[in-house]
Amino acid sequence: MELSSVLWCVVLLGMTLAYGITLYGVHAAKRHEVASHGRRMIVSCTLVGIWLVAYLTKQMFFGRDQFGGTSQEYWTLYVPVLAVHTSLAITTIGLGLTNMTIGLRRLRHGIGAGAMVAGVMRHRVLGRWMQWTFGGTILTAYVVYAMLFHWFPAQ
């Protein structure tokens, strides 16, 4: 297995682990375990931050992986999936930073479970959207990986 493929696997596993911790944090929030929810989300955000730095470093040192399919497959299959993946990833980062800021501000001011203030409601709504965009980012990342290394590998 090539180093590039191994790095891709590490990237995908890291994202999947962060998503699992996020879902675990959502579960804690639904049980009104505010402190546990906060800790899990901070761990998840930290993992995503480390992952993002590692991914960008991989791109800088190893460059982009080459698509091995035809030009038609590239433009009709790969580029649309990559565009959706990139859009979801950027949206997830924006939602994540916004939601983390809202959540940490609430935590710092000691506003706990059941405080039905505007910030908490916004935090919940953004969190629900972020769950879907984060999940879509991971799903499309796996599809991009499969396209590059299994379905249309470069020669």
Protein backbone atom coordinates (compact mmCIF):
# COMPACT_ATOMS: atom_id res chain seq x y z
CA MET A 1 0.00 0.00 0.00
CA GLU A 2 1.37 3.39 -1.01
CA LEU A 3 2.10 6.07 1.57
CA SER A 4 -0.52 8.34 -0.01
CA SER A 5 -3.19 5.65 0.39
CA VAL A 6 -2.15 5.04 4.01
CA LEU A 7 -2.40 8.78 4.72
CA TRP A 8 -5.86 8.86 3.17
CA CYS A 9 -6.93 6.00 5.45
CA VAL A 10 -5.61 7.87 8.49
CA VAL A 11 -7.46 11.01 7.38
CA LEU A 12 -10.74 9.11 6.90
CA LEU A 13 -10.42 7.26 10.20
CA GLY A 14 -9.63 10.51 12.04
CA MET A 15 -12.72 12.20 10.58
CA THR A 16 -14.89 9.20 11.38
CA LEU A 17 -13.61 9.14 14.97
CA ALA A 18 -14.34 12.86 15.36
CA TYR A 19 -17.85 12.33 13.97
CA GLY A 20 -18.44 9.44 16.38
CA ILE A 21 -17.40 11.63 19.32
CA THR A 22 -19.69 14.37 18.01
CA LEU A 23 -22.64 11.96 17.92
CA TYR A 24 -21.75 10.85 21.44
CA GLY A 25 -21.77 14.53 22.48
CA VAL A 26 -25.17 15.04 20.86
CA HIS A 27 -26.44 12.05 22.82
CA ALA A 28 -25.17 13.67 26.04
CA ALA A 29 -26.93 16.93 25.14
CA LYS A 30 -30.21 15.11 24.58
CA ARG A 31 -29.85 13.66 28.10
CA HIS A 32 -29.20 17.22 29.40
CA GLU A 33 -25.64 16.32 30.46
CA VAL A 34 -24.28 19.76 29.64
CA ALA A 35 -20.75 19.32 31.04
CA SER A 36 -20.29 15.96 29.31
CA HIS A 37 -21.66 17.40 26.06
CA GLY A 38 -19.22 20.31 26.26
CA ARG A 39 -16.20 18.07 26.90
CA ARG A 40 -17.06 15.72 24.05
CA MET A 41 -17.59 18.57 21.63
CA ILE A 42 -14.29 20.19 22.60
CA VAL A 43 -12.51 16.86 22.00
CA SER A 44 -14.28 16.48 18.66
CA CYS A 45 -13.41 20.04 17.57
CA THR A 46 -9.79 19.48 18.61
CA LEU A 47 -9.63 16.27 16.55
CA VAL A 48 -11.13 18.04 13.55
CA GLY A 49 -8.59 20.87 13.93
CA ILE A 50 -5.69 18.39 14.10
CA TRP A 51 -7.17 16.52 11.15
CA LEU A 52 -7.47 19.72 9.10
CA VAL A 53 -3.83 20.66 9.74
CA ALA A 54 -2.71 17.10 8.88
CA TYR A 55 -4.81 17.07 5.70
CA LEU A 56 -3.49 20.44 4.50
CA THR A 57 0.07 19.32 5.33
CA LYS A 58 -0.47 16.13 3.31
CA GLN A 59 -1.74 18.20 0.38
CA MET A 60 1.29 20.54 0.57
CA PHE A 61 3.93 17.81 0.73
CA PHE A 62 2.37 15.09 -1.44
CA GLY A 63 0.13 17.13 -3.73
CA ARG A 64 -3.25 16.11 -5.00
CA ASP A 65 -3.93 12.49 -5.81
CA GLN A 66 -4.51 11.86 -9.50
CA PHE A 67 -7.83 10.64 -10.89
CA GLY A 68 -7.26 7.70 -13.25
CA GLY A 69 -10.56 7.68 -15.13
CA THR A 70 -11.41 9.19 -18.49
CA SER A 71 -11.98 12.89 -19.00
CA GLN A 72 -15.74 12.29 -19.18
CA GLU A 73 -15.69 10.32 -15.89
CA TYR A 74 -13.60 13.06 -14.33
CA TRP A 75 -16.06 15.83 -15.23
CA THR A 76 -19.33 13.89 -14.76
CA LEU A 77 -18.47 11.82 -11.67
CA TYR A 78 -15.40 13.02 -9.80
CA VAL A 79 -15.71 16.81 -10.02
CA PRO A 80 -19.38 16.94 -8.89
CA VAL A 81 -18.69 14.66 -5.90
CA LEU A 82 -15.58 16.66 -5.01
CA ALA A 83 -17.54 19.93 -5.31
CA VAL A 84 -20.28 18.64 -2.99
CA HIS A 85 -17.63 17.34 -0.57
CA THR A 86 -15.77 20.66 -0.54
CA SER A 87 -18.98 22.67 -0.10
CA LEU A 88 -20.11 20.47 2.78
CA ALA A 89 -16.67 20.64 4.42
CA ILE A 90 -16.53 24.44 4.24
CA THR A 91 -20.10 24.69 5.55
CA THR A 92 -19.29 22.28 8.40
CA ILE A 93 -16.23 24.29 9.42
CA GLY A 94 -18.24 27.53 9.45
CA LEU A 95 -21.13 25.98 11.38
CA GLY A 96 -18.70 24.30 13.76
CA LEU A 97 -16.79 27.47 14.59
CA THR A 98 -20.01 29.44 15.06
CA ASN A 99 -21.64 26.75 17.16
CA MET A 100 -18.53 26.19 19.26
CA THR A 101 -18.35 29.93 19.99
CA ILE A 102 -22.01 29.99 21.05
CA GLY A 103 -21.61 26.87 23.19
CA LEU A 104 -18.43 28.03 24.90
CA ARG A 105 -19.95 31.43 25.64
CA ARG A 106 -22.93 29.71 27.30
CA LEU A 107 -20.60 27.39 29.23
CA ARG A 108 -18.43 30.30 30.41
CA HIS A 109 -21.45 32.21 31.68
CA GLY A 110 -22.80 29.15 33.49
CA ILE A 111 -25.99 28.79 31.50
CA GLY A 112 -26.95 25.14 31.85
CA ALA A 113 -29.60 22.74 30.62
CA GLY A 114 -33.12 24.00 30.33
CA ALA A 115 -32.12 27.62 29.80
CA MET A 116 -34.35 28.33 26.83
CA VAL A 117 -32.62 31.50 25.75
CA ALA A 118 -32.05 32.52 22.15
CA GLY A 119 -28.39 31.45 22.15
CA VAL A 120 -29.19 27.93 23.28
CA MET A 121 -31.91 27.54 20.67
CA ARG A 122 -29.56 28.82 17.96
CA HIS A 123 -26.89 26.42 19.23
CA ARG A 124 -29.33 23.51 18.95
CA VAL A 125 -30.53 24.44 15.47
CA LEU A 126 -26.98 24.95 14.16
CA GLY A 127 -25.95 21.70 15.81
CA ARG A 128 -28.66 19.77 13.98
CA TRP A 129 -27.59 21.26 10.65
CA MET A 130 -23.96 20.58 11.44
CA GLN A 131 -24.67 16.91 12.14
CA TRP A 132 -25.96 16.53 8.60
CA THR A 133 -23.22 18.55 6.91
CA PHE A 134 -20.49 16.74 8.89
CA GLY A 135 -22.01 13.35 8.04
CA GLY A 136 -22.26 14.34 4.37
CA THR A 137 -18.65 15.51 4.40
CA ILE A 138 -17.50 12.15 5.70
CA LEU A 139 -19.69 10.18 3.30
CA THR A 140 -18.43 12.11 0.28
CA ALA A 141 -14.83 11.81 1.55
CA TYR A 142 -15.19 8.03 1.45
CA VAL A 143 -16.62 8.26 -2.09
CA VAL A 144 -13.70 10.47 -3.20
CA TYR A 145 -11.24 7.99 -1.65
CA ALA A 146 -12.94 5.07 -3.43
CA MET A 147 -12.83 6.95 -6.74
CA LEU A 148 -9.14 7.81 -6.42
CA PHE A 149 -7.80 4.51 -5.12
CA HIS A 150 -10.27 1.77 -6.05
CA TRP A 151 -12.67 2.66 -8.85
CA PHE A 152 -10.46 4.94 -10.98
CA PRO A 153 -6.86 4.59 -9.71
CA ALA A 154 -4.12 6.48 -11.56
CA GLN A 155 -1.68 4.26 -13.46
